[in-house]
């Protein structure tokens, strides 16, 4: 299993092969000493990760916001379906074509970032679509049993 860690303009690919060059030693809960290619770093989780894979880490005393992309997130990113830039968006659109299996919210519902909104079947997989904002559901355009196209409006929010 591979993944990427991104911050600023840097990208670190983490794969089984690259892990052999890294030595992780836990020194406290959520705090590690990491040796990468002969260099030692102190790494601590400060906050997160949130539903979009973003978290705050402290690396040798410097706090950074990083994005962690697992294999699924990397695939969506390569297909141009990354939700990373949509955190301020008040309209949730279908990230891919598919069939709506279940709608879990209705107008007036209060939702938090990371709450499940609906289930979308795409590429023979059930995908739980989660909210990237905290707010109130203004309207729901998605209906269970109906097909949607990529980019089609599913849920509209009013930010609280």
Foldseek 3Di string as FASTA:
>chain_A
DKKWKDFDHDIDIDDPVQVVQKDWDDPDVQWTWIAHPNDTWIKGWDDDDFLLQWGWMAINRRITIMHMGDPVQVVLVVVVQRCVPCLVPQWDWASAKFAWAFADDAFFDWDAFFAFGTWTQDPNDTDGDTHSHTFTWHHAPHDHGGIDHGGHTGTGGDHD
